[in-house]
C-alpha atoms as a PDB file:
ATOM      1  CA  MET A   1       2.966  24.254 -60.695  1.00  0.00           C
ATOM      2  CA  THR A   2       1.862  21.151 -58.849  1.00  0.00           C
ATOM      3  CA  ASP A   3       1.727  21.016 -55.151  1.00  0.00           C
ATOM      4  CA  ALA A   4       3.657  18.079 -53.791  1.00  0.00           C
ATOM      5  CA  PRO A   5       2.287  16.577 -50.560  1.00  0.00           C
ATOM      6  CA  VAL A   6       3.980  18.054 -47.551  1.00  0.00           C
ATOM      7  CA  THR A   7       5.290  15.565 -45.055  1.00  0.00           C
ATOM      8  CA  ALA A   8       6.255  16.738 -41.628  1.00  0.00           C
ATOM      9  CA  ASP A   9       9.326  15.339 -40.060  1.00  0.00           C
ATOM     10  CA  ARG A  10       7.872  13.421 -37.160  1.00  0.00           C
ATOM     11  CA  PRO A  11      10.085  12.021 -34.501  1.00  0.00           C
ATOM     12  CA  THR A  12       9.970   8.298 -34.539  1.00  0.00           C
ATOM     13  CA  ALA A  13       8.892   6.620 -31.360  1.00  0.00           C
ATOM     14  CA  ALA A  14      11.652   5.008 -29.415  1.00  0.00           C
ATOM     15  CA  PRO A  15      11.420   1.271 -29.506  1.00  0.00           C
ATOM     16  CA  SER A  16       9.842  -0.115 -26.373  1.00  0.00           C
ATOM     17  CA  PRO A  17      12.289  -1.843 -24.092  1.00  0.00           C
ATOM     18  CA  ALA A  18      12.170  -5.602 -24.068  1.00  0.00           C
ATOM     19  CA  VAL A  19      10.083  -6.929 -21.232  1.00  0.00           C
ATOM     20  CA  ASP A  20      11.836  -9.549 -19.150  1.00  0.00           C
ATOM     21  CA  ALA A  21       9.185 -12.136 -18.357  1.00  0.00           C
ATOM     22  CA  ALA A  22      11.157 -13.194 -15.285  1.00  0.00           C
ATOM     23  CA  ALA A  23      11.330  -9.666 -13.836  1.00  0.00           C
ATOM     24  CA  PRO A  24       8.944  -9.113 -10.925  1.00  0.00           C
ATOM     25  CA  SER A  25       6.032  -6.752 -11.385  1.00  0.00           C
ATOM     26  CA  GLY A  26       6.100  -3.429  -9.586  1.00  0.00           C
ATOM     27  CA  ARG A  27       4.080  -4.794  -6.695  1.00  0.00           C
ATOM     28  CA  GLU A  28       6.164  -7.966  -6.458  1.00  0.00           C
ATOM     29  CA  ALA A  29       9.365  -5.918  -6.524  1.00  0.00           C
ATOM     30  CA  LEU A  30       8.014  -3.798  -3.672  1.00  0.00           C
ATOM     31  CA  TYR A  31       7.176  -6.925  -1.670  1.00  0.00           C
ATOM     32  CA  ASP A  32      10.670  -8.264  -2.292  1.00  0.00           C
ATOM     33  CA  ALA A  33      12.147  -4.960  -1.117  1.00  0.00           C
ATOM     34  CA  LEU A  34      10.060  -5.012   2.076  1.00  0.00           C
ATOM     35  CA  LEU A  35      10.975  -8.641   2.745  1.00  0.00           C
ATOM     36  CA  SER A  36      14.666  -7.821   2.392  1.00  0.00           C
ATOM     37  CA  LEU A  37      14.607  -5.439   5.356  1.00  0.00           C
ATOM     38  CA  THR A  38      15.905  -6.948   8.568  1.00  0.00           C
ATOM     39  CA  SER A  39      15.250  -4.371  11.299  1.00  0.00           C
ATOM     40  CA  ARG A  40      12.860  -1.650  12.367  1.00  0.00           C
ATOM     41  CA  THR A  41      15.587   0.895  11.592  1.00  0.00           C
ATOM     42  CA  GLU A  42      15.867  -0.363   8.008  1.00  0.00           C
ATOM     43  CA  MET A  43      12.063  -0.475   7.657  1.00  0.00           C
ATOM     44  CA  ASP A  44      11.769   3.068   8.985  1.00  0.00           C
ATOM     45  CA  ALA A  45      14.427   4.379   6.577  1.00  0.00           C
ATOM     46  CA  PHE A  46      12.816   2.674   3.584  1.00  0.00           C
ATOM     47  CA  LEU A  47       9.266   3.755   4.423  1.00  0.00           C
ATOM     48  CA  GLN A  48      10.399   7.331   5.118  1.00  0.00           C
ATOM     49  CA  ASP A  49      11.838   7.415   1.593  1.00  0.00           C
ATOM     50  CA  LEU A  50       8.935   5.580  -0.035  1.00  0.00           C
ATOM     51  CA  CYS A  51       5.927   7.235   1.593  1.00  0.00           C
ATOM     52  CA  THR A  52       4.798  10.722   2.390  1.00  0.00           C
ATOM     53  CA  PRO A  53       4.289  11.563   6.069  1.00  0.00           C
ATOM     54  CA  ALA A  54       0.522  11.504   5.457  1.00  0.00           C
ATOM     55  CA  GLU A  55       0.718   8.016   3.932  1.00  0.00           C
ATOM     56  CA  LEU A  56       2.709   6.722   6.906  1.00  0.00           C
ATOM     57  CA  ARG A  57       0.197   8.263   9.325  1.00  0.00           C
ATOM     58  CA  ALA A  58      -2.653   6.607   7.401  1.00  0.00           C
ATOM     59  CA  PHE A  59      -0.927   3.195   7.534  1.00  0.00           C
ATOM     60  CA  ALA A  60      -0.270   3.563  11.263  1.00  0.00           C
ATOM     61  CA  GLU A  61      -3.834   4.737  11.880  1.00  0.00           C
ATOM     62  CA  ARG A  62      -5.353   1.746  10.052  1.00  0.00           C
ATOM     63  CA  TRP A  63      -3.062  -0.637  11.905  1.00  0.00           C
ATOM     64  CA  GLN A  64      -4.030   0.902  15.251  1.00  0.00           C
ATOM     65  CA  VAL A  65      -7.706   0.539  14.318  1.00  0.00           C
ATOM     66  CA  ALA A  66      -7.173  -3.117  13.376  1.00  0.00           C
ATOM     67  CA  ARG A  67      -5.421  -3.809  16.688  1.00  0.00           C
ATOM     68  CA  LEU A  68      -8.182  -2.113  18.696  1.00  0.00           C
ATOM     69  CA  LEU A  69     -10.902  -3.986  16.798  1.00  0.00           C
ATOM     70  CA  HIS A  70      -9.054  -7.243  17.401  1.00  0.00           C
ATOM     71  CA  GLN A  71      -8.846  -6.539  21.157  1.00  0.00           C
ATOM     72  CA  GLY A  72     -12.606  -6.026  21.281  1.00  0.00           C
ATOM     73  CA  GLY A  73     -14.632  -4.365  24.003  1.00  0.00           C
ATOM     74  CA  LYS A  74     -14.825  -0.912  22.413  1.00  0.00           C
ATOM     75  CA  SER A  75     -17.389   0.726  20.195  1.00  0.00           C
ATOM     76  CA  TYR A  76     -16.452   1.925  16.735  1.00  0.00           C
ATOM     77  CA  ARG A  77     -16.819   5.493  18.001  1.00  0.00           C
ATOM     78  CA  GLU A  78     -14.399   4.819  20.888  1.00  0.00           C
ATOM     79  CA  ILE A  79     -11.910   3.185  18.510  1.00  0.00           C
ATOM     80  CA  ALA A  80     -12.123   6.115  16.102  1.00  0.00           C
ATOM     81  CA  ALA A  81     -11.430   8.567  18.936  1.00  0.00           C
ATOM     82  CA  GLU A  82      -8.541   6.540  20.388  1.00  0.00           C
ATOM     83  CA  ALA A  83      -6.870   5.943  17.012  1.00  0.00           C
ATOM     84  CA  GLY A  84      -7.558   9.428  15.691  1.00  0.00           C
ATOM     85  CA  ALA A  85      -9.382   7.839  12.767  1.00  0.00           C
ATOM     86  CA  SER A  86     -12.641   8.612  11.069  1.00  0.00           C
ATOM     87  CA  PRO A  87     -15.626   6.329  11.710  1.00  0.00           C
ATOM     88  CA  THR A  88     -15.465   5.446   8.011  1.00  0.00           C
ATOM     89  CA  THR A  89     -11.920   4.139   8.444  1.00  0.00           C
ATOM     90  CA  VAL A  90     -13.003   2.033  11.429  1.00  0.00           C
ATOM     91  CA  VAL A  91     -15.885   0.515   9.452  1.00  0.00           C
ATOM     92  CA  ARG A  92     -13.627  -0.166   6.466  1.00  0.00           C
ATOM     93  CA  VAL A  93     -10.957  -1.878   8.565  1.00  0.00           C
ATOM     94  CA  ALA A  94     -13.634  -3.877  10.409  1.00  0.00           C
ATOM     95  CA  ARG A  95     -15.018  -5.052   7.066  1.00  0.00           C
ATOM     96  CA  PHE A  96     -11.572  -6.185   5.955  1.00  0.00           C
ATOM     97  CA  LEU A  97     -11.080  -8.030   9.252  1.00  0.00           C
ATOM     98  CA  LYS A  98     -14.398  -9.865   8.940  1.00  0.00           C
ATOM     99  CA  GLU A  99     -15.327 -10.271   5.297  1.00  0.00           C
ATOM    100  CA  MET A 100     -12.542  -9.768   2.810  1.00  0.00           C
ATOM    101  CA  PRO A 101     -10.825 -12.832   1.374  1.00  0.00           C
ATOM    102  CA  HIS A 102      -7.190 -11.670   1.719  1.00  0.00           C
ATOM    103  CA  GLN A 103      -7.255 -11.655   5.548  1.00  0.00           C
ATOM    104  CA  GLY A 104      -3.956  -9.777   5.728  1.00  0.00           C
ATOM    105  CA  TYR A 105      -4.861  -7.934   8.917  1.00  0.00           C
ATOM    106  CA  ARG A 106      -5.972 -11.199  10.523  1.00  0.00           C
ATOM    107  CA  LEU A 107      -2.785 -12.996   9.494  1.00  0.00           C
ATOM    108  CA  VAL A 108      -0.505 -10.433  11.132  1.00  0.00           C
ATOM    109  CA  LEU A 109      -2.689  -9.956  14.216  1.00  0.00           C
ATOM    110  CA  ASP A 110      -2.709 -13.716  14.821  1.00  0.00           C
ATOM    111  CA  ARG A 111       1.053 -13.988  14.320  1.00  0.00           C
ATOM    112  CA  GLN A 112       1.745 -11.140  16.723  1.00  0.00           C
ATOM    113  CA  GLN A 113      -0.538 -12.650  19.318  1.00  0.00           C
ATOM    114  CA  ALA A 114       1.256 -16.012  19.214  1.00  0.00           C
END
C-alpha cells in the first residue's frame, strides 16, 4: 500500500479589492470630512463620534497650551498648571510652534488673531 500525499483543503484567500488610484487615502478622506463641516455643532457631533473623550481632552489641552504659549508672558510651569497639561506636553507644543516645518499651530493661531 502506497501512501498518497495528503493535501488539506485550505481556504483560498479572497481576491484583494481593486484599489482606486483616485480615491483619497485615509488621512485625506478624514481631512475632506473635517473640511465638509460647516458649524461648531456639526464639528462637535463628528468629533464626538470619531474620538474618545480622552482624545478630545488631549486635543483641547494641546490647543490651550499652544494659545497660552502664543500669548507669551507665562512660564512653562504656569502654562502647564493653567491648561491642566504636563510639562512634557508644554515643551512638545512649544517645539512644534518654534521648530517643526509643518507650522500648523502657527497657521491657525495667526489666522485667529487676524
